[in-house]
Amino acid sequence: MSPLIISIAAFFAVAALVGGVAMLLRGEESTRSEDRLAMLTAGKPATGKGVLQETGVLSQPLNFKEGALAEFLSRFSQIKLLFVQADTSLTPSKFCVVSGLMGFAGAVAAASTGLNPLLVPIFFFLAGLLPVIWLLLRRSRRLRSFGKQLPDALELIARALRAGHSLGAGFNLVAGEMAAPIGVEFQRCYEEQNLGIPLDEALKNLTDRVPNLDLKFFCTALVLQRQTGGDLAEILDKIGSLIRDRFRIWGQVQALTGEGRLSGIVLLALPPVLFGTVYYLNPDYITVLFTDPMGKKMLAGAVLMQILGALVIRKIVNIKV
C-alpha cells in the first residue's frame, strides 16, 4: 500500500479524533437550565430600529419550505436542534468522536483486507458518515411517529376542552396519557407556559423542535382562535379528521408508487453490487478504472449518472400529499 494514502487516512482520523476530544473536554456552552433561561429572556418582543419583529408561528406561511441547499445548511448549522429532534443523549462533541473513530475503523479495515489503496479514503469517508445517517434516520423515524400520534392528541385535547378544562390542562393531559415522542414534546410546551413564556412563543418552539406541517396547522389554529374566538374543540376535531384523511391518501399513493420505488432501489443498487462482485472475482479487471485516465473519467461519469438517476427517480415517486 502507498505510504501517502496511509498518511492521508491517518491524518484525517487523528484530526477528527483530536477535534472531538477537544470539544468534549471543553463541554457544552450552555446547560439545559441556561437554555431555559435564554428562552425566557427571548420571549420578550425584539425590536430593531423601532420596528417590531415577528417571531411567532404566523411569521411564515404554513407551506414555507427552504431550498434543498438552504435546508441542508440550516439543519447542520443548528446541530443542537438536530440532536433535540432526534431525541438522543449524544452531544455534538461526542458525536464527532464517534464519527472519527468509525472513519478510522473503516480505513483500517479496508487497509487490512488488501484493497486498492485508492479505496481506503473512500471507506474512511463512508464509515465516518454512518453515524450521520443513523442520526438522520432516527430523526425521521421520530417525526413520523409524532405525525401518527397527532390526530389522537388533538382529539384528546378537544375532549378535554368540552369537559371544561383549559388548553394548558389539555396539553398536560396529552403529556401524561400519550407515549413519546408526542407526550414529551407537549410536556415541554406545557412547562414553558408554566415558566411564563407566552403561548405563541411556546408553540413556535414546539414547531421548531418538530417540523411537521400538521403541527403547524394546529399551532396556527390555536393562535388565530385566541385572537378571533370560536369553538376550539370543533376546530381541533376538523384538523384531526383532515390529518387522518391525509394519511389515508398517503397510504394509497405509497401503494401506487411501490413499483417505481422498488425499481429505483434495484437500479441504484445494481451497479455497486456488480462492481463489488467483479472486483472480488477479478481485481485486475476493475483496477483499470483507477489507473487508466479514461477509466477514471468513466468512473466519475458513472457516479454522476447514478446521482442524477437517483434524483430523477426520487422526483417521480415522491408525491406530496
C-alpha atoms as a PDB file:
ATOM      1  CA  MET A   1       0.000   0.000   0.000  1.00  0.00           C
ATOM      2  CA  SER A   2       1.166   3.503  -0.771  1.00  0.00           C
ATOM      3  CA  PRO A   3       2.572   5.325   2.289  1.00  0.00           C
ATOM      4  CA  LEU A   4       0.935   8.515   1.028  1.00  0.00           C
ATOM      5  CA  ILE A   5      -2.560   7.008   1.230  1.00  0.00           C
ATOM      6  CA  ILE A   6      -1.894   5.661   4.715  1.00  0.00           C
ATOM      7  CA  SER A   7      -0.615   9.049   5.842  1.00  0.00           C
ATOM      8  CA  ILE A   8      -3.668  10.880   4.475  1.00  0.00           C
ATOM      9  CA  ALA A   9      -6.089   8.467   6.137  1.00  0.00           C
ATOM     10  CA  ALA A  10      -4.234   8.639   9.445  1.00  0.00           C
ATOM     11  CA  PHE A  11      -4.155  12.441   9.302  1.00  0.00           C
ATOM     12  CA  PHE A  12      -7.918  12.756   8.839  1.00  0.00           C
ATOM     13  CA  ALA A  13      -8.641  10.169  11.520  1.00  0.00           C
ATOM     14  CA  VAL A  14      -6.343  11.752  14.106  1.00  0.00           C
ATOM     15  CA  ALA A  15      -7.597  15.263  13.274  1.00  0.00           C
ATOM     16  CA  ALA A  16     -11.213  14.209  13.764  1.00  0.00           C
ATOM     17  CA  LEU A  17     -10.347  12.395  16.995  1.00  0.00           C
ATOM     18  CA  VAL A  18      -8.371  15.315  18.439  1.00  0.00           C
ATOM     19  CA  GLY A  19     -11.083  17.807  17.468  1.00  0.00           C
ATOM     20  CA  GLY A  20     -13.799  15.695  19.065  1.00  0.00           C
ATOM     21  CA  VAL A  21     -11.808  15.178  22.271  1.00  0.00           C
ATOM     22  CA  ALA A  22     -11.113  18.916  22.483  1.00  0.00           C
ATOM     23  CA  MET A  23     -14.812  19.715  22.128  1.00  0.00           C
ATOM     24  CA  LEU A  24     -15.641  17.050  24.699  1.00  0.00           C
ATOM     25  CA  LEU A  25     -13.211  18.450  27.257  1.00  0.00           C
ATOM     26  CA  ARG A  26     -14.417  21.976  26.650  1.00  0.00           C
ATOM     27  CA  GLY A  27     -18.019  20.940  27.388  1.00  0.00           C
ATOM     28  CA  GLU A  28     -21.232  22.410  26.146  1.00  0.00           C
ATOM     29  CA  GLU A  29     -21.579  26.171  26.063  1.00  0.00           C
ATOM     30  CA  SER A  30     -24.831  26.161  27.985  1.00  0.00           C
ATOM     31  CA  THR A  31     -26.724  23.702  30.136  1.00  0.00           C
ATOM     32  CA  ARG A  32     -30.396  22.954  29.833  1.00  0.00           C
ATOM     33  CA  SER A  33     -31.161  25.386  32.656  1.00  0.00           C
ATOM     34  CA  GLU A  34     -29.288  28.139  30.871  1.00  0.00           C
ATOM     35  CA  ASP A  35     -31.139  27.309  27.649  1.00  0.00           C
ATOM     36  CA  ARG A  36     -34.433  27.595  29.512  1.00  0.00           C
ATOM     37  CA  LEU A  37     -33.434  30.989  30.927  1.00  0.00           C
ATOM     38  CA  ALA A  38     -32.387  32.083  27.448  1.00  0.00           C
ATOM     39  CA  MET A  39     -35.836  31.161  26.155  1.00  0.00           C
ATOM     40  CA  LEU A  40     -37.413  33.158  28.965  1.00  0.00           C
ATOM     41  CA  THR A  41     -35.444  36.256  28.087  1.00  0.00           C
ATOM     42  CA  ALA A  42     -36.047  35.684  24.375  1.00  0.00           C
ATOM     43  CA  GLY A  43     -39.771  35.691  24.986  1.00  0.00           C
ATOM     44  CA  LYS A  44     -39.777  39.494  25.039  1.00  0.00           C
ATOM     45  CA  PRO A  45     -40.602  41.240  21.764  1.00  0.00           C
ATOM     46  CA  ALA A  46     -37.462  42.076  19.831  1.00  0.00           C
ATOM     47  CA  THR A  47     -37.249  45.469  18.216  1.00  0.00           C
ATOM     48  CA  GLY A  48     -34.950  46.820  15.569  1.00  0.00           C
ATOM     49  CA  LYS A  49     -34.951  50.493  14.559  1.00  0.00           C
ATOM     50  CA  GLY A  50     -38.324  50.874  16.189  1.00  0.00           C
ATOM     51  CA  VAL A  51     -39.975  48.099  14.120  1.00  0.00           C
ATOM     52  CA  LEU A  52     -41.440  45.079  15.869  1.00  0.00           C
ATOM     53  CA  GLN A  53     -40.020  41.814  14.610  1.00  0.00           C
ATOM     54  CA  GLU A  54     -42.450  38.916  14.173  1.00  0.00           C
ATOM     55  CA  THR A  55     -41.280  35.753  15.919  1.00  0.00           C
ATOM     56  CA  GLY A  56     -44.480  33.715  16.292  1.00  0.00           C
ATOM     57  CA  VAL A  57     -45.881  30.858  14.276  1.00  0.00           C
ATOM     58  CA  LEU A  58     -47.691  33.323  11.984  1.00  0.00           C
ATOM     59  CA  SER A  59     -44.487  34.959  10.739  1.00  0.00           C
ATOM     60  CA  GLN A  60     -44.106  32.365   7.948  1.00  0.00           C
ATOM     61  CA  PRO A  61     -46.601  30.680   5.605  1.00  0.00           C
ATOM     62  CA  LEU A  62     -47.699  27.193   6.577  1.00  0.00           C
ATOM     63  CA  ASN A  63     -46.238  25.666   3.429  1.00  0.00           C
ATOM     64  CA  PHE A  64     -42.971  27.606   3.694  1.00  0.00           C
ATOM     65  CA  LYS A  65     -40.014  25.424   2.806  1.00  0.00           C
ATOM     66  CA  GLU A  66     -36.420  26.380   2.165  1.00  0.00           C
ATOM     67  CA  GLY A  67     -34.437  25.169  -0.802  1.00  0.00           C
ATOM     68  CA  ALA A  68     -32.542  21.905  -0.571  1.00  0.00           C
ATOM     69  CA  LEU A  69     -29.164  23.598  -0.050  1.00  0.00           C
ATOM     70  CA  ALA A  70     -30.535  26.141   2.416  1.00  0.00           C
ATOM     71  CA  GLU A  71     -32.335  23.409   4.347  1.00  0.00           C
ATOM     72  CA  PHE A  72     -29.174  21.289   4.485  1.00  0.00           C
ATOM     73  CA  LEU A  73     -27.044  24.188   5.729  1.00  0.00           C
ATOM     74  CA  SER A  74     -29.618  25.395   8.255  1.00  0.00           C
ATOM     75  CA  ARG A  75     -30.068  21.888   9.590  1.00  0.00           C
ATOM     76  CA  PHE A  76     -26.380  21.398  10.276  1.00  0.00           C
ATOM     77  CA  SER A  77     -25.790  24.995  11.396  1.00  0.00           C
ATOM     78  CA  GLN A  78     -28.219  24.270  14.250  1.00  0.00           C
ATOM     79  CA  ILE A  79     -26.654  20.972  15.180  1.00  0.00           C
ATOM     80  CA  LYS A  80     -28.035  21.036  18.729  1.00  0.00           C
ATOM     81  CA  LEU A  81     -31.588  21.356  17.376  1.00  0.00           C
ATOM     82  CA  LEU A  82     -30.923  18.332  15.170  1.00  0.00           C
ATOM     83  CA  PHE A  83     -29.999  16.292  18.257  1.00  0.00           C
ATOM     84  CA  VAL A  84     -33.131  17.520  20.040  1.00  0.00           C
ATOM     85  CA  GLN A  85     -35.294  16.495  17.086  1.00  0.00           C
ATOM     86  CA  ALA A  86     -33.658  13.049  17.094  1.00  0.00           C
ATOM     87  CA  ASP A  87     -34.135  12.800  20.885  1.00  0.00           C
ATOM     88  CA  THR A  88     -30.671  11.429  21.561  1.00  0.00           C
ATOM     89  CA  SER A  89     -28.469  11.904  24.597  1.00  0.00           C
ATOM     90  CA  LEU A  90     -25.372  12.346  22.430  1.00  0.00           C
ATOM     91  CA  THR A  91     -23.741  15.756  22.312  1.00  0.00           C
ATOM     92  CA  PRO A  92     -22.116  17.219  19.185  1.00  0.00           C
ATOM     93  CA  SER A  93     -18.664  16.673  20.671  1.00  0.00           C
ATOM     94  CA  LYS A  94     -19.290  13.010  21.421  1.00  0.00           C
ATOM     95  CA  PHE A  95     -20.869  12.602  18.017  1.00  0.00           C
ATOM     96  CA  CYS A  96     -17.711  13.950  16.341  1.00  0.00           C
ATOM     97  CA  VAL A  97     -15.609  11.487  18.340  1.00  0.00           C
ATOM     98  CA  VAL A  98     -17.823   8.588  17.284  1.00  0.00           C
ATOM     99  CA  SER A  99     -17.686   9.663  13.624  1.00  0.00           C
ATOM    100  CA  GLY A 100     -13.903   9.966  13.731  1.00  0.00           C
ATOM    101  CA  LEU A 101     -13.496   6.550  15.329  1.00  0.00           C
ATOM    102  CA  MET A 102     -15.865   4.958  12.828  1.00  0.00           C
ATOM    103  CA  GLY A 103     -13.968   6.543   9.942  1.00  0.00           C
ATOM    104  CA  PHE A 104     -10.639   5.357  11.331  1.00  0.00           C
ATOM    105  CA  ALA A 105     -12.006   1.839  11.854  1.00  0.00           C
ATOM    106  CA  GLY A 106     -13.307   1.769   8.284  1.00  0.00           C
ATOM    107  CA  ALA A 107      -9.946   2.888   6.899  1.00  0.00           C
ATOM    108  CA  VAL A 108      -8.064   0.300   8.959  1.00  0.00           C
ATOM    109  CA  ALA A 109     -10.475  -2.445   7.897  1.00  0.00           C
ATOM    110  CA  ALA A 110     -10.083  -1.501   4.242  1.00  0.00           C
ATOM    111  CA  ALA A 111      -6.298  -1.398   4.525  1.00  0.00           C
ATOM    112  CA  SER A 112      -6.085  -4.724   6.358  1.00  0.00           C
ATOM    113  CA  THR A 113      -8.120  -6.586   3.724  1.00  0.00           C
ATOM    114  CA  GLY A 114      -5.632  -5.669   1.000  1.00  0.00           C
ATOM    115  CA  LEU A 115      -7.923  -3.482  -1.051  1.00  0.00           C
ATOM    116  CA  ASN A 116      -6.649  -0.966  -3.542  1.00  0.00           C
ATOM    117  CA  PRO A 117      -5.025   1.938  -1.634  1.00  0.00           C
ATOM    118  CA  LEU A 118      -7.176   4.379  -3.570  1.00  0.00           C
ATOM    119  CA  LEU A 119     -10.268   2.885  -1.913  1.00  0.00           C
ATOM    120  CA  VAL A 120      -9.040   3.494   1.662  1.00  0.00           C
ATOM    121  CA  PRO A 121     -10.105   7.191   1.815  1.00  0.00           C
ATOM    122  CA  ILE A 122     -13.498   6.212   0.369  1.00  0.00           C
ATOM    123  CA  PHE A 123     -14.012   3.659   3.133  1.00  0.00           C
ATOM    124  CA  PHE A 124     -12.884   6.243   5.691  1.00  0.00           C
ATOM    125  CA  PHE A 125     -15.484   8.723   4.443  1.00  0.00           C
ATOM    126  CA  LEU A 126     -18.288   6.149   4.222  1.00  0.00           C
ATOM    127  CA  ALA A 127     -17.626   4.724   7.675  1.00  0.00           C
ATOM    128  CA  GLY A 128     -17.436   8.206   9.189  1.00  0.00           C
ATOM    129  CA  LEU A 129     -20.769   9.012   7.544  1.00  0.00           C
ATOM    130  CA  LEU A 130     -22.586   6.101   9.200  1.00  0.00           C
ATOM    131  CA  PRO A 131     -23.330   7.980  12.474  1.00  0.00           C
ATOM    132  CA  VAL A 132     -24.753  10.891  10.462  1.00  0.00           C
ATOM    133  CA  ILE A 133     -27.037   8.519   8.561  1.00  0.00           C
ATOM    134  CA  TRP A 134     -28.102   6.909  11.846  1.00  0.00           C
ATOM    135  CA  LEU A 135     -28.905  10.319  13.342  1.00  0.00           C
ATOM    136  CA  LEU A 136     -30.981  11.403  10.334  1.00  0.00           C
ATOM    137  CA  LEU A 137     -32.857   8.088  10.263  1.00  0.00           C
ATOM    138  CA  ARG A 138     -33.572   8.348  13.983  1.00  0.00           C
ATOM    139  CA  ARG A 139     -34.864  11.898  13.499  1.00  0.00           C
ATOM    140  CA  SER A 140     -37.024  10.870  10.546  1.00  0.00           C
ATOM    141  CA  ARG A 141     -38.476   7.903  12.434  1.00  0.00           C
ATOM    142  CA  ARG A 142     -39.306  10.078  15.461  1.00  0.00           C
ATOM    143  CA  LEU A 143     -41.010  12.748  13.340  1.00  0.00           C
ATOM    144  CA  ARG A 144     -43.004  10.076  11.527  1.00  0.00           C
ATOM    145  CA  SER A 145     -44.128   8.601  14.851  1.00  0.00           C
ATOM    146  CA  PHE A 146     -45.123  12.072  16.055  1.00  0.00           C
ATOM    147  CA  GLY A 147     -47.254  12.613  12.954  1.00  0.00           C
ATOM    148  CA  LYS A 148     -49.120   9.340  13.532  1.00  0.00           C
ATOM    149  CA  GLN A 149     -49.874  10.260  17.162  1.00  0.00           C
ATOM    150  CA  LEU A 150     -51.007  13.819  16.433  1.00  0.00           C
ATOM    151  CA  PRO A 151     -54.667  13.075  15.462  1.00  0.00           C
ATOM    152  CA  ASP A 152     -55.241  11.185  18.731  1.00  0.00           C
ATOM    153  CA  ALA A 153     -53.641  14.042  20.670  1.00  0.00           C
ATOM    154  CA  LEU A 154     -55.899  16.627  19.026  1.00  0.00           C
ATOM    155  CA  GLU A 155     -58.989  14.573  19.799  1.00  0.00           C
ATOM    156  CA  LEU A 156     -57.841  14.211  23.405  1.00  0.00           C
ATOM    157  CA  ILE A 157     -57.397  17.986  23.749  1.00  0.00           C
ATOM    158  CA  ALA A 158     -60.819  18.571  22.143  1.00  0.00           C
ATOM    159  CA  ARG A 159     -62.496  16.224  24.631  1.00  0.00           C
ATOM    160  CA  ALA A 160     -60.703  17.957  27.497  1.00  0.00           C
ATOM    161  CA  LEU A 161     -61.962  21.349  26.295  1.00  0.00           C
ATOM    162  CA  ARG A 162     -65.536  20.061  26.047  1.00  0.00           C
ATOM    163  CA  ALA A 163     -65.229  18.748  29.607  1.00  0.00           C
ATOM    164  CA  GLY A 164     -64.443  22.269  30.807  1.00  0.00           C
ATOM    165  CA  HIS A 165     -60.653  22.063  31.127  1.00  0.00           C
ATOM    166  CA  SER A 166     -58.297  24.777  29.954  1.00  0.00           C
ATOM    167  CA  LEU A 167     -55.961  24.469  26.968  1.00  0.00           C
ATOM    168  CA  GLY A 168     -52.956  24.090  29.261  1.00  0.00           C
ATOM    169  CA  ALA A 169     -54.703  21.259  31.087  1.00  0.00           C
ATOM    170  CA  GLY A 170     -55.312  19.627  27.704  1.00  0.00           C
ATOM    171  CA  PHE A 171     -51.601  19.837  26.917  1.00  0.00           C
ATOM    172  CA  ASN A 172     -50.808  18.312  30.302  1.00  0.00           C
ATOM    173  CA  LEU A 173     -53.331  15.538  29.655  1.00  0.00           C
ATOM    174  CA  VAL A 174     -51.618  14.659  26.360  1.00  0.00           C
ATOM    175  CA  ALA A 175     -48.246  14.670  28.120  1.00  0.00           C
ATOM    176  CA  GLY A 176     -49.498  12.303  30.807  1.00  0.00           C
ATOM    177  CA  GLU A 177     -51.642   9.937  28.738  1.00  0.00           C
ATOM    178  CA  MET A 178     -49.717   9.554  25.488  1.00  0.00           C
ATOM    179  CA  ALA A 179     -46.337   7.944  24.880  1.00  0.00           C
ATOM    180  CA  ALA A 180     -43.229   9.529  23.453  1.00  0.00           C
ATOM    181  CA  PRO A 181     -42.490  11.413  21.287  1.00  0.00           C
ATOM    182  CA  ILE A 182     -45.700  13.465  21.375  1.00  0.00           C
ATOM    183  CA  GLY A 183     -46.051  13.193  25.140  1.00  0.00           C
ATOM    184  CA  VAL A 184     -42.531  14.507  25.667  1.00  0.00           C
ATOM    185  CA  GLU A 185     -42.967  17.446  23.294  1.00  0.00           C
ATOM    186  CA  PHE A 186     -46.318  18.535  24.737  1.00  0.00           C
ATOM    187  CA  GLN A 187     -44.836  18.244  28.218  1.00  0.00           C
ATOM    188  CA  ARG A 188     -42.060  20.644  27.216  1.00  0.00           C
ATOM    189  CA  CYS A 189     -44.593  23.068  25.765  1.00  0.00           C
ATOM    190  CA  TYR A 190     -46.697  22.864  28.943  1.00  0.00           C
ATOM    191  CA  GLU A 191     -43.662  23.506  31.148  1.00  0.00           C
ATOM    192  CA  GLU A 192     -42.640  26.512  29.037  1.00  0.00           C
ATOM    193  CA  GLN A 193     -46.069  28.058  29.616  1.00  0.00           C
ATOM    194  CA  ASN A 194     -45.739  27.463  33.352  1.00  0.00           C
ATOM    195  CA  LEU A 195     -42.391  29.266  33.288  1.00  0.00           C
ATOM    196  CA  GLY A 196     -44.055  32.362  31.846  1.00  0.00           C
ATOM    197  CA  ILE A 197     -43.340  32.040  28.145  1.00  0.00           C
ATOM    198  CA  PRO A 198     -46.293  33.306  26.030  1.00  0.00           C
ATOM    199  CA  LEU A 199     -48.348  30.627  24.313  1.00  0.00           C
ATOM    200  CA  ASP A 200     -47.453  31.730  20.781  1.00  0.00           C
ATOM    201  CA  GLU A 201     -43.747  31.621  21.654  1.00  0.00           C
ATOM    202  CA  ALA A 202     -44.109  28.170  23.246  1.00  0.00           C
ATOM    203  CA  LEU A 203     -45.912  26.958  20.130  1.00  0.00           C
ATOM    204  CA  LYS A 204     -43.169  28.448  17.948  1.00  0.00           C
ATOM    205  CA  ASN A 205     -40.580  26.491  19.956  1.00  0.00           C
ATOM    206  CA  LEU A 206     -42.711  23.372  19.531  1.00  0.00           C
ATOM    207  CA  THR A 207     -42.832  23.753  15.746  1.00  0.00           C
ATOM    208  CA  ASP A 208     -39.060  24.316  15.700  1.00  0.00           C
ATOM    209  CA  ARG A 209     -38.451  21.084  17.591  1.00  0.00           C
ATOM    210  CA  VAL A 210     -40.964  19.172  15.457  1.00  0.00           C
ATOM    211  CA  PRO A 211     -41.028  20.425  11.827  1.00  0.00           C
ATOM    212  CA  ASN A 212     -44.383  18.884  10.936  1.00  0.00           C
ATOM    213  CA  LEU A 213     -46.906  20.540   8.603  1.00  0.00           C
ATOM    214  CA  ASP A 214     -49.927  19.203  10.517  1.00  0.00           C
ATOM    215  CA  LEU A 215     -48.491  20.548  13.757  1.00  0.00           C
ATOM    216  CA  LYS A 216     -48.131  23.968  12.108  1.00  0.00           C
ATOM    217  CA  PHE A 217     -51.832  23.823  11.214  1.00  0.00           C
ATOM    218  CA  PHE A 218     -52.640  23.052  14.843  1.00  0.00           C
ATOM    219  CA  CYS A 219     -50.438  25.812  16.270  1.00  0.00           C
ATOM    220  CA  THR A 220     -51.721  28.372  13.772  1.00  0.00           C
ATOM    221  CA  ALA A 221     -55.320  27.453  14.619  1.00  0.00           C
ATOM    222  CA  LEU A 222     -54.616  27.957  18.325  1.00  0.00           C
ATOM    223  CA  VAL A 223     -53.069  31.391  17.790  1.00  0.00           C
ATOM    224  CA  LEU A 224     -55.864  32.534  15.483  1.00  0.00           C
ATOM    225  CA  GLN A 225     -58.566  31.227  17.819  1.00  0.00           C
ATOM    226  CA  ARG A 226     -57.104  33.180  20.719  1.00  0.00           C
ATOM    227  CA  GLN A 227     -57.197  36.337  18.586  1.00  0.00           C
ATOM    228  CA  THR A 228     -60.593  35.911  16.877  1.00  0.00           C
ATOM    229  CA  GLY A 229     -62.511  33.457  19.081  1.00  0.00           C
ATOM    230  CA  GLY A 230     -64.525  30.415  18.044  1.00  0.00           C
ATOM    231  CA  ASP A 231     -65.142  26.830  19.053  1.00  0.00           C
ATOM    232  CA  LEU A 232     -61.630  25.469  19.513  1.00  0.00           C
ATOM    233  CA  ALA A 233     -62.818  21.902  20.162  1.00  0.00           C
ATOM    234  CA  GLU A 234     -64.604  21.793  16.795  1.00  0.00           C
ATOM    235  CA  ILE A 235     -61.541  23.234  15.062  1.00  0.00           C
ATOM    236  CA  LEU A 236     -59.323  20.534  16.584  1.00  0.00           C
ATOM    237  CA  ASP A 237     -61.768  17.807  15.517  1.00  0.00           C
ATOM    238  CA  LYS A 238     -61.674  19.069  11.928  1.00  0.00           C
ATOM    239  CA  ILE A 239     -57.866  19.249  11.925  1.00  0.00           C
ATOM    240  CA  GLY A 240     -57.665  15.700  13.300  1.00  0.00           C
ATOM    241  CA  SER A 241     -60.062  14.477  10.604  1.00  0.00           C
ATOM    242  CA  LEU A 242     -58.007  16.282   7.960  1.00  0.00           C
ATOM    243  CA  ILE A 243     -54.813  14.629   9.180  1.00  0.00           C
ATOM    244  CA  ARG A 244     -56.407  11.168   9.083  1.00  0.00           C
ATOM    245  CA  ASP A 245     -57.605  11.773   5.514  1.00  0.00           C
ATOM    246  CA  ARG A 246     -54.107  12.839   4.515  1.00  0.00           C
ATOM    247  CA  PHE A 247     -52.659   9.627   5.989  1.00  0.00           C
ATOM    248  CA  ARG A 248     -55.257   7.575   4.087  1.00  0.00           C
ATOM    249  CA  ILE A 249     -54.411   9.295   0.791  1.00  0.00           C
ATOM    250  CA  TRP A 250     -50.690   8.995   1.524  1.00  0.00           C
ATOM    251  CA  GLY A 251     -51.113   5.239   2.006  1.00  0.00           C
ATOM    252  CA  GLN A 252     -52.831   4.986  -1.377  1.00  0.00           C
ATOM    253  CA  VAL A 253     -50.025   6.974  -3.017  1.00  0.00           C
ATOM    254  CA  GLN A 254     -47.419   4.702  -1.416  1.00  0.00           C
ATOM    255  CA  ALA A 255     -49.214   1.651  -2.795  1.00  0.00           C
ATOM    256  CA  LEU A 256     -49.428   3.117  -6.299  1.00  0.00           C
ATOM    257  CA  THR A 257     -45.760   4.173  -6.348  1.00  0.00           C
ATOM    258  CA  GLY A 258     -44.435   0.962  -4.778  1.00  0.00           C
ATOM    259  CA  GLU A 259     -43.340  -0.496  -8.110  1.00  0.00           C
ATOM    260  CA  GLY A 260     -41.442   2.672  -9.037  1.00  0.00           C
ATOM    261  CA  ARG A 261     -39.689   2.842  -5.680  1.00  0.00           C
ATOM    262  CA  LEU A 262     -38.683  -0.818  -5.859  1.00  0.00           C
ATOM    263  CA  SER A 263     -37.398  -0.351  -9.402  1.00  0.00           C
ATOM    264  CA  GLY A 264     -35.368   2.631  -8.269  1.00  0.00           C
ATOM    265  CA  ILE A 265     -33.798   0.644  -5.435  1.00  0.00           C
ATOM    266  CA  VAL A 266     -32.847  -2.194  -7.777  1.00  0.00           C
ATOM    267  CA  LEU A 267     -31.441   0.094 -10.474  1.00  0.00           C
ATOM    268  CA  LEU A 268     -29.406   2.117  -7.975  1.00  0.00           C
ATOM    269  CA  ALA A 269     -28.078  -0.902  -6.078  1.00  0.00           C
ATOM    270  CA  LEU A 270     -27.187  -2.997  -9.125  1.00  0.00           C
ATOM    271  CA  PRO A 271     -24.037  -1.092 -10.276  1.00  0.00           C
ATOM    272  CA  PRO A 272     -22.307  -1.035  -6.837  1.00  0.00           C
ATOM    273  CA  VAL A 273     -23.143  -4.694  -6.201  1.00  0.00           C
ATOM    274  CA  LEU A 274     -21.896  -5.684  -9.658  1.00  0.00           C
ATOM    275  CA  PHE A 275     -18.761  -3.586  -9.119  1.00  0.00           C
ATOM    276  CA  GLY A 276     -18.005  -5.353  -5.830  1.00  0.00           C
ATOM    277  CA  THR A 277     -18.672  -8.787  -7.300  1.00  0.00           C
ATOM    278  CA  VAL A 278     -16.385  -8.256 -10.286  1.00  0.00           C
ATOM    279  CA  TYR A 279     -13.689  -6.777  -8.043  1.00  0.00           C
ATOM    280  CA  TYR A 280     -13.857  -9.872  -5.830  1.00  0.00           C
ATOM    281  CA  LEU A 281     -13.678 -12.276  -8.793  1.00  0.00           C
ATOM    282  CA  ASN A 282     -11.131 -10.395 -10.915  1.00  0.00           C
ATOM    283  CA  PRO A 283      -9.467  -7.392  -9.202  1.00  0.00           C
ATOM    284  CA  ASP A 284      -7.167  -6.663 -12.154  1.00  0.00           C
ATOM    285  CA  TYR A 285     -10.165  -6.141 -14.424  1.00  0.00           C
ATOM    286  CA  ILE A 286     -11.560  -3.361 -12.164  1.00  0.00           C
ATOM    287  CA  THR A 287      -8.208  -1.804 -11.285  1.00  0.00           C
ATOM    288  CA  VAL A 288      -8.007  -0.330 -14.780  1.00  0.00           C
ATOM    289  CA  LEU A 289     -10.746   2.132 -13.793  1.00  0.00           C
ATOM    290  CA  PHE A 290      -8.414   3.601 -11.146  1.00  0.00           C
ATOM    291  CA  THR A 291      -5.146   3.524 -13.084  1.00  0.00           C
ATOM    292  CA  ASP A 292      -6.092   4.436 -16.652  1.00  0.00           C
ATOM    293  CA  PRO A 293      -7.046   8.110 -17.319  1.00  0.00           C
ATOM    294  CA  MET A 294     -10.012   7.068 -19.446  1.00  0.00           C
ATOM    295  CA  GLY A 295     -11.106   4.654 -16.707  1.00  0.00           C
ATOM    296  CA  LYS A 296     -11.112   7.463 -14.138  1.00  0.00           C
ATOM    297  CA  LYS A 297     -13.298   9.572 -16.407  1.00  0.00           C
ATOM    298  CA  MET A 298     -15.671   6.671 -16.937  1.00  0.00           C
ATOM    299  CA  LEU A 299     -15.853   6.040 -13.196  1.00  0.00           C
ATOM    300  CA  ALA A 300     -16.595   9.722 -12.473  1.00  0.00           C
ATOM    301  CA  GLY A 301     -19.251   9.738 -15.196  1.00  0.00           C
ATOM    302  CA  ALA A 302     -20.848   6.592 -13.753  1.00  0.00           C
ATOM    303  CA  VAL A 303     -21.039   8.111 -10.283  1.00  0.00           C
ATOM    304  CA  LEU A 304     -22.528  11.306 -11.702  1.00  0.00           C
ATOM    305  CA  MET A 305     -25.129   9.378 -13.697  1.00  0.00           C
ATOM    306  CA  GLN A 306     -26.020   7.352 -10.604  1.00  0.00           C
ATOM    307  CA  ILE A 307     -26.664  10.544  -8.639  1.00  0.00           C
ATOM    308  CA  LEU A 308     -28.729  12.062 -11.437  1.00  0.00           C
ATOM    309  CA  GLY A 309     -30.727   8.856 -11.784  1.00  0.00           C
ATOM    310  CA  ALA A 310     -31.426   8.765  -8.050  1.00  0.00           C
ATOM    311  CA  LEU A 311     -32.660  12.367  -8.121  1.00  0.00           C
ATOM    312  CA  VAL A 312     -34.912  11.729 -11.127  1.00  0.00           C
ATOM    313  CA  ILE A 313     -36.422   8.571  -9.633  1.00  0.00           C
ATOM    314  CA  ARG A 314     -36.973  10.333  -6.309  1.00  0.00           C
ATOM    315  CA  LYS A 315     -38.705  13.182  -8.114  1.00  0.00           C
ATOM    316  CA  ILE A 316     -41.027  10.730  -9.878  1.00  0.00           C
ATOM    317  CA  VAL A 317     -42.090   8.643  -6.862  1.00  0.00           C
ATOM    318  CA  ASN A 318     -42.050  11.371  -4.202  1.00  0.00           C
ATOM    319  CA  ILE A 319     -45.608  12.728  -4.436  1.00  0.00           C
ATOM    320  CA  LYS A 320     -46.565  15.300  -1.833  1.00  0.00           C
ATOM    321  CA  VAL A 321     -49.872  14.779  -0.059  1.00  0.00           C
END
